[in-house]
Amino acid sequence: MKVLLTGGSGMVGRAILAHDAAREMQIVAPTSAELDLTDRSAVMAALAAEKPDVIIHSAGRVGGIQANIAHPAAFLSENMDMGFNLVLAAREADVPRLLNLGSSCMYPHDAPNPLQEDSLGKGELEPTNEGYGLAKVAVARLCAFTTRERPDLAYKTIIPCNLYGLYDKFDPAVSHLVPAIIRKLHEARENRAETVEIWGDGTARREFMYSGDLADGVWTAVKRFDDLPGCMNMGLGYDYSINEYYEEAAKVIGFNGGFTHDLSRPTGMKQKLLAVESQTAFGWQPQTLLRDGIARTYEFFLDVVERGAA
C-alpha cells in the first residue's frame, strides 16, 4: 500500500513513521520544504505524480494556549489552507482513501463531557484556541461532504485527545501542557527551586495520550479502513487534573518541592474528555500508562538538552 503522510517531521508524523506497521507500507512523507501544503497547485501536482492509495493528514500549525492566543489568524488560515488544499487535490486525483487527523479543540466549549462525535458544530468553540478549532472543524466537514458527493472516495476523520511524546516541543512559547510541565520541573530541580507555579487552580481536567499510542491507532485505522466510522474520537476515555499531571511528572523527574497557583492566568475549558464508545466498538484502545509515557518523553527531553536544542 502506498501512503502519503503529511507532517512527517512533527511529533505525530514521526511516531507514525517509527511504528512497526510503517515497515509494511510504501511511504512518501515530504517535508514542508519539499511540499508546501498551502500551495494548492503544488499539492495537486504532487498527488497526481505520487498516486497514493491512502493519505494520512497529520500536518498542521500547532501550539499551546499562549501560541493560540497570540496568533489566532495564523492558526485558522494556515490549518484551513493545508487541509482544504489536500482534500480538494485528493478528490481531483481520485485518491480513494484519506485519513484526516482532527483535534479535540473542534468541540464546543460548553458541550457535555465526555465529548460525543455528534456534538461537533453545535456550539461556540473555546476562545483560547478558536482559530485552530474552526479550521479543524471545516476540514473534517469537507472530508464528510466529499464522501457524500463521491461515494467512491472514503475520506474520514480521527479526533485524537491531547497528545504528548517523543519529538514534542518544549519551548514555553509553543509547547502544550505535558512538555511544558516536564521542562518546568526539570529546570526547577536543576535550580533547586522550592516551588513551581501552576496556571489557574489546577483543577481543570485534561486527557493526554502518548503519541506512540495514537500512531498505533492510526495504522489500525488504515489497515481496517472500511470498518472505521466517518468520524471517530481516539483517546483514553479518562482524564487527570492539571495538578495530577504536575504531581506525576514530579515523581518521574525527581522534583521534591511544592506548587503554587497563579489564579490570574487562563486555564481554558474545565474539562475536555472524549467519549470512546465508537473507538471501543471499532476494537482499539491505547496501552501506555501516564507515568511510562512521561518517563519516555523526559528521556527524550534530556537528549534534547544534551544537544543544546532546548
C-alpha atoms as a PDB file:
ATOM      1  CA  MET A   1       0.000   0.000   0.000  1.00  0.00           C
ATOM      2  CA  LYS A   2       1.367   3.415  -0.954  1.00  0.00           C
ATOM      3  CA  VAL A   3       0.806   6.000   1.778  1.00  0.00           C
ATOM      4  CA  LEU A   4       1.333   9.744   1.532  1.00  0.00           C
ATOM      5  CA  LEU A   5       1.920  11.184   5.001  1.00  0.00           C
ATOM      6  CA  THR A   6       1.817  14.904   5.698  1.00  0.00           C
ATOM      7  CA  GLY A   7       3.505  16.278   8.798  1.00  0.00           C
ATOM      8  CA  GLY A   8       6.078  13.509   8.832  1.00  0.00           C
ATOM      9  CA  SER A   9       8.633  15.649  10.667  1.00  0.00           C
ATOM     10  CA  GLY A  10       6.265  16.543  13.523  1.00  0.00           C
ATOM     11  CA  MET A  11       5.662  14.653  16.743  1.00  0.00           C
ATOM     12  CA  VAL A  12       2.686  12.664  15.419  1.00  0.00           C
ATOM     13  CA  GLY A  13       4.232  12.095  12.000  1.00  0.00           C
ATOM     14  CA  ARG A  14       7.466  10.763  13.482  1.00  0.00           C
ATOM     15  CA  ALA A  15       5.522   8.431  15.751  1.00  0.00           C
ATOM     16  CA  ILE A  16       3.597   7.142  12.721  1.00  0.00           C
ATOM     17  CA  LEU A  17       6.836   6.572  10.795  1.00  0.00           C
ATOM     18  CA  ALA A  18       8.501   4.852  13.775  1.00  0.00           C
ATOM     19  CA  HIS A  19       5.676   2.339  14.254  1.00  0.00           C
ATOM     20  CA  ASP A  20       6.312  -1.253  13.158  1.00  0.00           C
ATOM     21  CA  ALA A  21       3.379  -1.098  10.733  1.00  0.00           C
ATOM     22  CA  ALA A  22       5.197   1.559   8.695  1.00  0.00           C
ATOM     23  CA  ARG A  23       7.668  -1.093   7.517  1.00  0.00           C
ATOM     24  CA  GLU A  24       4.850  -2.843   5.689  1.00  0.00           C
ATOM     25  CA  MET A  25       3.987   0.246   3.639  1.00  0.00           C
ATOM     26  CA  GLN A  26       5.496   2.286   0.840  1.00  0.00           C
ATOM     27  CA  ILE A  27       5.534   5.707   2.476  1.00  0.00           C
ATOM     28  CA  VAL A  28       6.031   9.105   0.889  1.00  0.00           C
ATOM     29  CA  ALA A  29       6.475  11.793   3.568  1.00  0.00           C
ATOM     30  CA  PRO A  30       7.503  15.116   2.025  1.00  0.00           C
ATOM     31  CA  THR A  31       8.721  17.853   4.339  1.00  0.00           C
ATOM     32  CA  SER A  32       7.166  21.307   4.265  1.00  0.00           C
ATOM     33  CA  ALA A  33      10.182  22.476   2.252  1.00  0.00           C
ATOM     34  CA  GLU A  34       9.543  19.728  -0.303  1.00  0.00           C
ATOM     35  CA  LEU A  35       5.771  20.239  -0.456  1.00  0.00           C
ATOM     36  CA  ASP A  36       4.107  23.451   0.670  1.00  0.00           C
ATOM     37  CA  LEU A  37       0.588  22.394   1.612  1.00  0.00           C
ATOM     38  CA  THR A  38      -0.606  25.996   1.435  1.00  0.00           C
ATOM     39  CA  ASP A  39       0.154  25.953  -2.323  1.00  0.00           C
ATOM     40  CA  ARG A  40      -2.779  24.141  -3.927  1.00  0.00           C
ATOM     41  CA  SER A  41      -1.194  23.774  -7.350  1.00  0.00           C
ATOM     42  CA  ALA A  42       1.878  22.167  -5.766  1.00  0.00           C
ATOM     43  CA  VAL A  43      -0.308  19.776  -3.783  1.00  0.00           C
ATOM     44  CA  MET A  44      -2.303  18.815  -6.877  1.00  0.00           C
ATOM     45  CA  ALA A  45       0.901  18.162  -8.821  1.00  0.00           C
ATOM     46  CA  ALA A  46       2.328  16.032  -6.022  1.00  0.00           C
ATOM     47  CA  LEU A  47      -0.771  13.840  -5.705  1.00  0.00           C
ATOM     48  CA  ALA A  48      -1.035  13.426  -9.467  1.00  0.00           C
ATOM     49  CA  ALA A  49       2.588  12.270  -9.544  1.00  0.00           C
ATOM     50  CA  GLU A  50       2.557  10.004  -6.474  1.00  0.00           C
ATOM     51  CA  LYS A  51      -0.928   8.441  -6.864  1.00  0.00           C
ATOM     52  CA  PRO A  52      -1.148   7.207  -3.246  1.00  0.00           C
ATOM     53  CA  ASP A  53      -3.611   4.562  -2.102  1.00  0.00           C
ATOM     54  CA  VAL A  54      -4.236   6.476   1.107  1.00  0.00           C
ATOM     55  CA  ILE A  55      -3.334   9.864   2.571  1.00  0.00           C
ATOM     56  CA  ILE A  56      -2.697  10.406   6.286  1.00  0.00           C
ATOM     57  CA  HIS A  57      -3.008  14.115   7.049  1.00  0.00           C
ATOM     58  CA  SER A  58      -1.162  14.931  10.270  1.00  0.00           C
ATOM     59  CA  ALA A  59       0.423  18.242   9.243  1.00  0.00           C
ATOM     60  CA  GLY A  60      -0.612  21.481  10.864  1.00  0.00           C
ATOM     61  CA  ARG A  61       0.356  24.558  12.792  1.00  0.00           C
ATOM     62  CA  VAL A  62       0.103  23.539  16.433  1.00  0.00           C
ATOM     63  CA  GLY A  63       0.846  25.118  19.812  1.00  0.00           C
ATOM     64  CA  GLY A  64      -0.317  25.608  23.367  1.00  0.00           C
ATOM     65  CA  ILE A  65      -2.597  28.232  24.894  1.00  0.00           C
ATOM     66  CA  GLN A  66      -0.049  31.062  24.652  1.00  0.00           C
ATOM     67  CA  ALA A  67       0.624  30.473  20.946  1.00  0.00           C
ATOM     68  CA  ASN A  68      -3.078  30.141  20.089  1.00  0.00           C
ATOM     69  CA  ILE A  69      -3.987  33.336  21.942  1.00  0.00           C
ATOM     70  CA  ALA A  70      -1.160  35.262  20.296  1.00  0.00           C
ATOM     71  CA  HIS A  71      -1.725  34.104  16.686  1.00  0.00           C
ATOM     72  CA  PRO A  72      -5.382  33.073  16.115  1.00  0.00           C
ATOM     73  CA  ALA A  73      -5.462  34.261  12.494  1.00  0.00           C
ATOM     74  CA  ALA A  74      -2.437  32.157  11.559  1.00  0.00           C
ATOM     75  CA  PHE A  75      -3.802  29.073  13.302  1.00  0.00           C
ATOM     76  CA  LEU A  76      -7.084  29.470  11.417  1.00  0.00           C
ATOM     77  CA  SER A  77      -5.794  30.339   7.964  1.00  0.00           C
ATOM     78  CA  GLU A  78      -2.772  28.038   7.771  1.00  0.00           C
ATOM     79  CA  ASN A  79      -4.553  24.942   9.050  1.00  0.00           C
ATOM     80  CA  MET A  80      -7.577  25.554   6.859  1.00  0.00           C
ATOM     81  CA  ASP A  81      -5.454  26.164   3.767  1.00  0.00           C
ATOM     82  CA  MET A  82      -3.434  22.991   4.315  1.00  0.00           C
ATOM     83  CA  GLY A  83      -6.473  20.824   4.923  1.00  0.00           C
ATOM     84  CA  PHE A  84      -8.610  22.233   2.120  1.00  0.00           C
ATOM     85  CA  ASN A  85      -5.812  22.062  -0.431  1.00  0.00           C
ATOM     86  CA  LEU A  86      -5.045  18.459   0.428  1.00  0.00           C
ATOM     87  CA  VAL A  87      -8.650  17.215   0.442  1.00  0.00           C
ATOM     88  CA  LEU A  88      -9.600  19.000  -2.776  1.00  0.00           C
ATOM     89  CA  ALA A  89      -6.436  17.853  -4.529  1.00  0.00           C
ATOM     90  CA  ALA A  90      -7.032  14.293  -3.339  1.00  0.00           C
ATOM     91  CA  ARG A  91     -10.538  14.432  -4.753  1.00  0.00           C
ATOM     92  CA  GLU A  92      -9.232  15.771  -8.066  1.00  0.00           C
ATOM     93  CA  ALA A  93      -6.631  12.968  -8.201  1.00  0.00           C
ATOM     94  CA  ASP A  94      -9.205  10.297  -7.255  1.00  0.00           C
ATOM     95  CA  VAL A  95      -7.225   9.203  -4.175  1.00  0.00           C
ATOM     96  CA  PRO A  96      -9.548   6.516  -2.751  1.00  0.00           C
ATOM     97  CA  ARG A  97      -8.867   6.947   0.993  1.00  0.00           C
ATOM     98  CA  LEU A  98      -7.881   9.872   3.183  1.00  0.00           C
ATOM     99  CA  LEU A  99      -7.442   9.794   6.956  1.00  0.00           C
ATOM    100  CA  ASN A 100      -7.671  13.298   8.415  1.00  0.00           C
ATOM    101  CA  LEU A 101      -6.399  13.900  11.941  1.00  0.00           C
ATOM    102  CA  GLY A 102      -8.584  16.374  13.780  1.00  0.00           C
ATOM    103  CA  SER A 103      -8.383  17.714  17.330  1.00  0.00           C
ATOM    104  CA  SER A 104     -10.468  17.801  20.488  1.00  0.00           C
ATOM    105  CA  CYS A 105     -10.371  21.616  20.053  1.00  0.00           C
ATOM    106  CA  MET A 106     -13.096  21.024  17.463  1.00  0.00           C
ATOM    107  CA  TYR A 107     -15.704  20.534  20.189  1.00  0.00           C
ATOM    108  CA  PRO A 108     -17.913  23.339  21.576  1.00  0.00           C
ATOM    109  CA  HIS A 109     -16.586  24.682  24.873  1.00  0.00           C
ATOM    110  CA  ASP A 110     -19.912  24.048  26.608  1.00  0.00           C
ATOM    111  CA  ALA A 111     -20.556  20.559  25.161  1.00  0.00           C
ATOM    112  CA  PRO A 112     -21.200  17.970  27.900  1.00  0.00           C
ATOM    113  CA  ASN A 113     -18.346  15.642  28.770  1.00  0.00           C
ATOM    114  CA  PRO A 114     -17.485  13.036  27.612  1.00  0.00           C
ATOM    115  CA  LEU A 115     -17.494  14.730  24.203  1.00  0.00           C
ATOM    116  CA  GLN A 116     -19.597  12.825  21.682  1.00  0.00           C
ATOM    117  CA  GLU A 117     -18.879  12.978  17.952  1.00  0.00           C
ATOM    118  CA  ASP A 118     -22.421  14.154  17.193  1.00  0.00           C
ATOM    119  CA  SER A 119     -21.893  17.384  19.178  1.00  0.00           C
ATOM    120  CA  LEU A 120     -19.437  18.764  16.606  1.00  0.00           C
ATOM    121  CA  GLY A 121     -20.555  22.088  15.163  1.00  0.00           C
ATOM    122  CA  LYS A 122     -23.312  22.564  17.736  1.00  0.00           C
ATOM    123  CA  GLY A 123     -21.877  25.426  19.771  1.00  0.00           C
ATOM    124  CA  GLU A 124     -19.170  28.047  20.177  1.00  0.00           C
ATOM    125  CA  LEU A 125     -15.581  26.898  20.446  1.00  0.00           C
ATOM    126  CA  GLU A 126     -13.183  27.567  23.311  1.00  0.00           C
ATOM    127  CA  PRO A 127     -11.942  31.178  22.764  1.00  0.00           C
ATOM    128  CA  THR A 128      -8.312  30.381  23.645  1.00  0.00           C
ATOM    129  CA  ASN A 129      -7.909  28.139  20.564  1.00  0.00           C
ATOM    130  CA  GLU A 130     -10.891  29.092  18.417  1.00  0.00           C
ATOM    131  CA  GLY A 131      -8.892  29.676  15.237  1.00  0.00           C
ATOM    132  CA  TYR A 132      -7.305  26.233  15.311  1.00  0.00           C
ATOM    133  CA  GLY A 133     -10.604  24.565  16.223  1.00  0.00           C
ATOM    134  CA  LEU A 134     -12.536  26.276  13.427  1.00  0.00           C
ATOM    135  CA  ALA A 135     -10.013  25.137  10.839  1.00  0.00           C
ATOM    136  CA  LYS A 136     -10.152  21.542  12.061  1.00  0.00           C
ATOM    137  CA  VAL A 137     -13.967  21.510  12.023  1.00  0.00           C
ATOM    138  CA  ALA A 138     -14.039  22.886   8.469  1.00  0.00           C
ATOM    139  CA  VAL A 139     -11.576  20.304   7.132  1.00  0.00           C
ATOM    140  CA  ALA A 140     -13.470  17.451   8.786  1.00  0.00           C
ATOM    141  CA  ARG A 141     -16.729  18.662   7.242  1.00  0.00           C
ATOM    142  CA  LEU A 142     -15.067  18.933   3.824  1.00  0.00           C
ATOM    143  CA  CYS A 143     -13.981  15.289   4.165  1.00  0.00           C
ATOM    144  CA  ALA A 144     -17.530  14.242   5.029  1.00  0.00           C
ATOM    145  CA  PHE A 145     -19.053  16.317   2.202  1.00  0.00           C
ATOM    146  CA  THR A 146     -16.591  14.862  -0.303  1.00  0.00           C
ATOM    147  CA  THR A 147     -17.522  11.300   0.620  1.00  0.00           C
ATOM    148  CA  ARG A 148     -21.234  12.210   0.491  1.00  0.00           C
ATOM    149  CA  GLU A 149     -20.834  13.568  -3.043  1.00  0.00           C
ATOM    150  CA  ARG A 150     -18.354  10.903  -4.156  1.00  0.00           C
ATOM    151  CA  PRO A 151     -19.231   7.548  -2.525  1.00  0.00           C
ATOM    152  CA  ASP A 152     -16.226   6.008  -4.296  1.00  0.00           C
ATOM    153  CA  LEU A 153     -13.959   8.126  -2.071  1.00  0.00           C
ATOM    154  CA  ALA A 154     -13.683   7.385   1.659  1.00  0.00           C
ATOM    155  CA  TYR A 155     -12.387  10.482   3.475  1.00  0.00           C
ATOM    156  CA  LYS A 156     -12.601  10.028   7.240  1.00  0.00           C
ATOM    157  CA  THR A 157     -11.548  11.915  10.366  1.00  0.00           C
ATOM    158  CA  ILE A 158      -9.978  10.712  13.604  1.00  0.00           C
ATOM    159  CA  ILE A 159     -10.221  13.133  16.525  1.00  0.00           C
ATOM    160  CA  PRO A 160      -7.387  12.468  18.983  1.00  0.00           C
ATOM    161  CA  CYS A 161      -7.375  13.753  22.522  1.00  0.00           C
ATOM    162  CA  ASN A 162      -4.440  15.928  23.622  1.00  0.00           C
ATOM    163  CA  LEU A 163      -1.069  14.351  22.870  1.00  0.00           C
ATOM    164  CA  TYR A 164       2.488  14.280  24.169  1.00  0.00           C
ATOM    165  CA  GLY A 165       5.551  12.165  23.462  1.00  0.00           C
ATOM    166  CA  LEU A 166       8.887  11.922  21.694  1.00  0.00           C
ATOM    167  CA  TYR A 167       9.764  14.850  19.407  1.00  0.00           C
ATOM    168  CA  ASP A 168       7.371  17.098  21.312  1.00  0.00           C
ATOM    169  CA  LYS A 169       8.015  20.847  21.529  1.00  0.00           C
ATOM    170  CA  PHE A 170       9.491  22.031  24.833  1.00  0.00           C
ATOM    171  CA  ASP A 171       9.715  25.756  24.047  1.00  0.00           C
ATOM    172  CA  PRO A 172       7.335  27.501  26.524  1.00  0.00           C
ATOM    173  CA  ALA A 173       6.119  29.814  23.742  1.00  0.00           C
ATOM    174  CA  VAL A 174       4.593  26.939  21.748  1.00  0.00           C
ATOM    175  CA  SER A 175       4.540  23.848  23.978  1.00  0.00           C
ATOM    176  CA  HIS A 176       1.472  22.009  25.202  1.00  0.00           C
ATOM    177  CA  LEU A 177       0.828  21.100  28.825  1.00  0.00           C
ATOM    178  CA  VAL A 178       2.868  17.916  29.352  1.00  0.00           C
ATOM    179  CA  PRO A 179       6.139  19.006  27.676  1.00  0.00           C
ATOM    180  CA  ALA A 180       5.801  22.407  29.371  1.00  0.00           C
ATOM    181  CA  ILE A 181       5.473  20.667  32.735  1.00  0.00           C
ATOM    182  CA  ILE A 182       8.464  18.438  32.013  1.00  0.00           C
ATOM    183  CA  ARG A 183      10.707  21.381  31.174  1.00  0.00           C
ATOM    184  CA  LYS A 184       9.478  23.492  34.082  1.00  0.00           C
ATOM    185  CA  LEU A 185      10.001  20.725  36.647  1.00  0.00           C
ATOM    186  CA  HIS A 186      13.386  19.761  35.210  1.00  0.00           C
ATOM    187  CA  GLU A 187      14.616  23.351  35.447  1.00  0.00           C
ATOM    188  CA  ALA A 188      13.158  23.695  38.944  1.00  0.00           C
ATOM    189  CA  ARG A 189      15.018  20.587  40.077  1.00  0.00           C
ATOM    190  CA  GLU A 190      18.262  21.742  38.454  1.00  0.00           C
ATOM    191  CA  ASN A 191      17.922  25.183  40.066  1.00  0.00           C
ATOM    192  CA  ARG A 192      16.854  23.670  43.409  1.00  0.00           C
ATOM    193  CA  ALA A 193      13.666  25.737  43.400  1.00  0.00           C
ATOM    194  CA  GLU A 194      11.381  25.290  46.374  1.00  0.00           C
ATOM    195  CA  THR A 195       8.148  25.742  44.393  1.00  0.00           C
ATOM    196  CA  VAL A 196       6.772  25.597  40.853  1.00  0.00           C
ATOM    197  CA  GLU A 197       3.902  27.793  39.671  1.00  0.00           C
ATOM    198  CA  ILE A 198       0.775  26.297  38.073  1.00  0.00           C
ATOM    199  CA  TRP A 199      -1.563  28.414  35.962  1.00  0.00           C
ATOM    200  CA  GLY A 200      -5.054  28.598  37.472  1.00  0.00           C
ATOM    201  CA  ASP A 201      -6.108  26.452  40.403  1.00  0.00           C
ATOM    202  CA  GLY A 202      -5.005  23.216  38.716  1.00  0.00           C
ATOM    203  CA  THR A 203      -8.414  21.562  38.904  1.00  0.00           C
ATOM    204  CA  ALA A 204      -9.142  21.715  35.153  1.00  0.00           C
ATOM    205  CA  ARG A 205      -9.058  18.224  33.721  1.00  0.00           C
ATOM    206  CA  ARG A 206      -7.304  17.074  30.559  1.00  0.00           C
ATOM    207  CA  GLU A 207      -6.911  13.826  28.638  1.00  0.00           C
ATOM    208  CA  PHE A 208      -3.373  13.343  27.276  1.00  0.00           C
ATOM    209  CA  MET A 209      -2.412  10.281  25.232  1.00  0.00           C
ATOM    210  CA  TYR A 210       1.109   9.165  24.372  1.00  0.00           C
ATOM    211  CA  SER A 211       1.875   9.824  20.694  1.00  0.00           C
ATOM    212  CA  GLY A 212       3.051   6.259  20.121  1.00  0.00           C
ATOM    213  CA  ASP A 213      -0.424   5.052  21.042  1.00  0.00           C
ATOM    214  CA  LEU A 214      -2.014   7.400  18.508  1.00  0.00           C
ATOM    215  CA  ALA A 215       0.372   6.056  15.853  1.00  0.00           C
ATOM    216  CA  ASP A 216      -0.834   2.550  16.647  1.00  0.00           C
ATOM    217  CA  GLY A 217      -4.429   3.727  16.330  1.00  0.00           C
ATOM    218  CA  VAL A 218      -3.723   5.435  13.010  1.00  0.00           C
ATOM    219  CA  TRP A 219      -2.184   2.322  11.466  1.00  0.00           C
ATOM    220  CA  THR A 220      -5.031   0.193  12.810  1.00  0.00           C
ATOM    221  CA  ALA A 221      -7.438   2.598  11.094  1.00  0.00           C
ATOM    222  CA  VAL A 222      -5.507   2.436   7.823  1.00  0.00           C
ATOM    223  CA  LYS A 223      -5.499  -1.356   7.826  1.00  0.00           C
ATOM    224  CA  ARG A 224      -9.189  -1.585   8.741  1.00  0.00           C
ATOM    225  CA  PHE A 225     -10.365   1.497   6.883  1.00  0.00           C
ATOM    226  CA  ASP A 226     -13.705   0.064   5.819  1.00  0.00           C
ATOM    227  CA  ASP A 227     -14.613  -0.645   9.471  1.00  0.00           C
ATOM    228  CA  LEU A 228     -13.720   2.890  10.577  1.00  0.00           C
ATOM    229  CA  PRO A 229     -16.624   5.324  11.156  1.00  0.00           C
ATOM    230  CA  GLY A 230     -16.622   8.544   9.166  1.00  0.00           C
ATOM    231  CA  CYS A 231     -15.644  10.494  12.284  1.00  0.00           C
ATOM    232  CA  MET A 232     -14.274   8.847  15.431  1.00  0.00           C
ATOM    233  CA  ASN A 233     -12.704  10.029  18.678  1.00  0.00           C
ATOM    234  CA  MET A 234      -9.426   8.420  19.669  1.00  0.00           C
ATOM    235  CA  GLY A 235      -8.395   8.749  23.307  1.00  0.00           C
ATOM    236  CA  LEU A 236      -8.040   7.258  26.752  1.00  0.00           C
ATOM    237  CA  GLY A 237     -11.617   7.548  27.935  1.00  0.00           C
ATOM    238  CA  TYR A 238     -10.428   9.011  31.278  1.00  0.00           C
ATOM    239  CA  ASP A 239      -8.577  12.148  32.348  1.00  0.00           C
ATOM    240  CA  TYR A 240      -6.444  13.782  35.047  1.00  0.00           C
ATOM    241  CA  SER A 241      -6.417  17.225  36.667  1.00  0.00           C
ATOM    242  CA  ILE A 242      -3.631  19.671  35.839  1.00  0.00           C
ATOM    243  CA  ASN A 243      -2.413  19.232  39.413  1.00  0.00           C
ATOM    244  CA  GLU A 244      -2.184  15.461  38.905  1.00  0.00           C
ATOM    245  CA  TYR A 245      -0.065  15.878  35.755  1.00  0.00           C
ATOM    246  CA  TYR A 246       2.361  18.030  37.744  1.00  0.00           C
ATOM    247  CA  GLU A 247       2.427  15.518  40.594  1.00  0.00           C
ATOM    248  CA  GLU A 248       3.040  12.532  38.322  1.00  0.00           C
ATOM    249  CA  ALA A 249       5.749  14.321  36.355  1.00  0.00           C
ATOM    250  CA  ALA A 250       7.420  15.443  39.584  1.00  0.00           C
ATOM    251  CA  LYS A 251       7.751  11.808  40.643  1.00  0.00           C
ATOM    252  CA  VAL A 252       9.375  10.862  37.325  1.00  0.00           C
ATOM    253  CA  ILE A 253      11.717  13.857  37.232  1.00  0.00           C
ATOM    254  CA  GLY A 254      12.603  13.851  40.918  1.00  0.00           C
ATOM    255  CA  PHE A 255      11.312  17.312  41.845  1.00  0.00           C
ATOM    256  CA  ASN A 256      10.525  17.304  45.563  1.00  0.00           C
ATOM    257  CA  GLY A 257       9.359  20.897  46.008  1.00  0.00           C
ATOM    258  CA  GLY A 258       5.853  22.304  46.320  1.00  0.00           C
ATOM    259  CA  PHE A 259       3.393  24.007  43.993  1.00  0.00           C
ATOM    260  CA  THR A 260       1.758  27.438  43.920  1.00  0.00           C
ATOM    261  CA  HIS A 261      -1.159  28.621  41.773  1.00  0.00           C
ATOM    262  CA  ASP A 262      -1.469  31.832  39.738  1.00  0.00           C
ATOM    263  CA  LEU A 263      -5.224  32.406  39.633  1.00  0.00           C
ATOM    264  CA  SER A 264      -4.862  35.322  37.206  1.00  0.00           C
ATOM    265  CA  ARG A 265      -3.738  33.015  34.377  1.00  0.00           C
ATOM    266  CA  PRO A 266      -6.129  31.379  31.833  1.00  0.00           C
ATOM    267  CA  THR A 267      -6.798  27.651  32.168  1.00  0.00           C
ATOM    268  CA  GLY A 268      -9.113  27.014  29.218  1.00  0.00           C
ATOM    269  CA  MET A 269     -12.012  24.590  29.405  1.00  0.00           C
ATOM    270  CA  LYS A 270     -12.658  22.977  32.812  1.00  0.00           C
ATOM    271  CA  GLN A 271     -12.733  19.542  31.199  1.00  0.00           C
ATOM    272  CA  LYS A 272     -12.133  18.087  27.751  1.00  0.00           C
ATOM    273  CA  LEU A 273     -12.702  14.338  27.816  1.00  0.00           C
ATOM    274  CA  LEU A 274     -13.518  12.356  24.687  1.00  0.00           C
ATOM    275  CA  ALA A 275     -16.231   9.725  24.544  1.00  0.00           C
ATOM    276  CA  VAL A 276     -14.729   6.466  23.310  1.00  0.00           C
ATOM    277  CA  GLU A 277     -17.745   4.257  22.652  1.00  0.00           C
ATOM    278  CA  SER A 278     -17.127   4.281  18.887  1.00  0.00           C
ATOM    279  CA  GLN A 279     -13.437   3.558  19.427  1.00  0.00           C
ATOM    280  CA  THR A 280     -14.294   0.637  21.695  1.00  0.00           C
ATOM    281  CA  ALA A 281     -16.735  -0.729  19.121  1.00  0.00           C
ATOM    282  CA  PHE A 282     -14.015  -0.348  16.483  1.00  0.00           C
ATOM    283  CA  GLY A 283     -11.829  -2.545  18.671  1.00  0.00           C
ATOM    284  CA  TRP A 284      -8.843  -0.392  19.625  1.00  0.00           C
ATOM    285  CA  GLN A 285      -7.514   1.156  22.827  1.00  0.00           C
ATOM    286  CA  PRO A 286      -4.244   2.834  23.931  1.00  0.00           C
ATOM    287  CA  GLN A 287      -1.759   0.881  26.065  1.00  0.00           C
ATOM    288  CA  THR A 288       0.757   3.364  27.560  1.00  0.00           C
ATOM    289  CA  LEU A 289       0.368   4.355  31.215  1.00  0.00           C
ATOM    290  CA  LEU A 290       0.843   8.042  32.079  1.00  0.00           C
ATOM    291  CA  ARG A 291       3.990   7.521  34.162  1.00  0.00           C
ATOM    292  CA  ASP A 292       5.601   5.384  31.442  1.00  0.00           C
ATOM    293  CA  GLY A 293       4.771   7.933  28.749  1.00  0.00           C
ATOM    294  CA  ILE A 294       6.138  10.821  30.807  1.00  0.00           C
ATOM    295  CA  ALA A 295       9.310   8.833  31.543  1.00  0.00           C
ATOM    296  CA  ARG A 296       9.930   8.168  27.828  1.00  0.00           C
ATOM    297  CA  THR A 297       9.231  11.788  26.962  1.00  0.00           C
ATOM    298  CA  TYR A 298      11.556  13.015  29.738  1.00  0.00           C
ATOM    299  CA  GLU A 299      14.350  10.783  28.434  1.00  0.00           C
ATOM    300  CA  PHE A 300      13.884  12.372  25.011  1.00  0.00           C
ATOM    301  CA  PHE A 301      13.904  15.851  26.581  1.00  0.00           C
ATOM    302  CA  LEU A 302      17.212  15.083  28.308  1.00  0.00           C
ATOM    303  CA  ASP A 303      18.685  14.102  24.940  1.00  0.00           C
ATOM    304  CA  VAL A 304      17.457  17.411  23.516  1.00  0.00           C
ATOM    305  CA  VAL A 305      19.062  19.306  26.405  1.00  0.00           C
ATOM    306  CA  GLU A 306      22.363  17.495  25.859  1.00  0.00           C
ATOM    307  CA  ARG A 307      22.296  18.527  22.202  1.00  0.00           C
ATOM    308  CA  GLY A 308      21.673  22.114  23.268  1.00  0.00           C
ATOM    309  CA  ALA A 309      18.406  22.289  21.343  1.00  0.00           C
ATOM    310  CA  ALA A 310      16.069  23.028  24.259  1.00  0.00           C
END
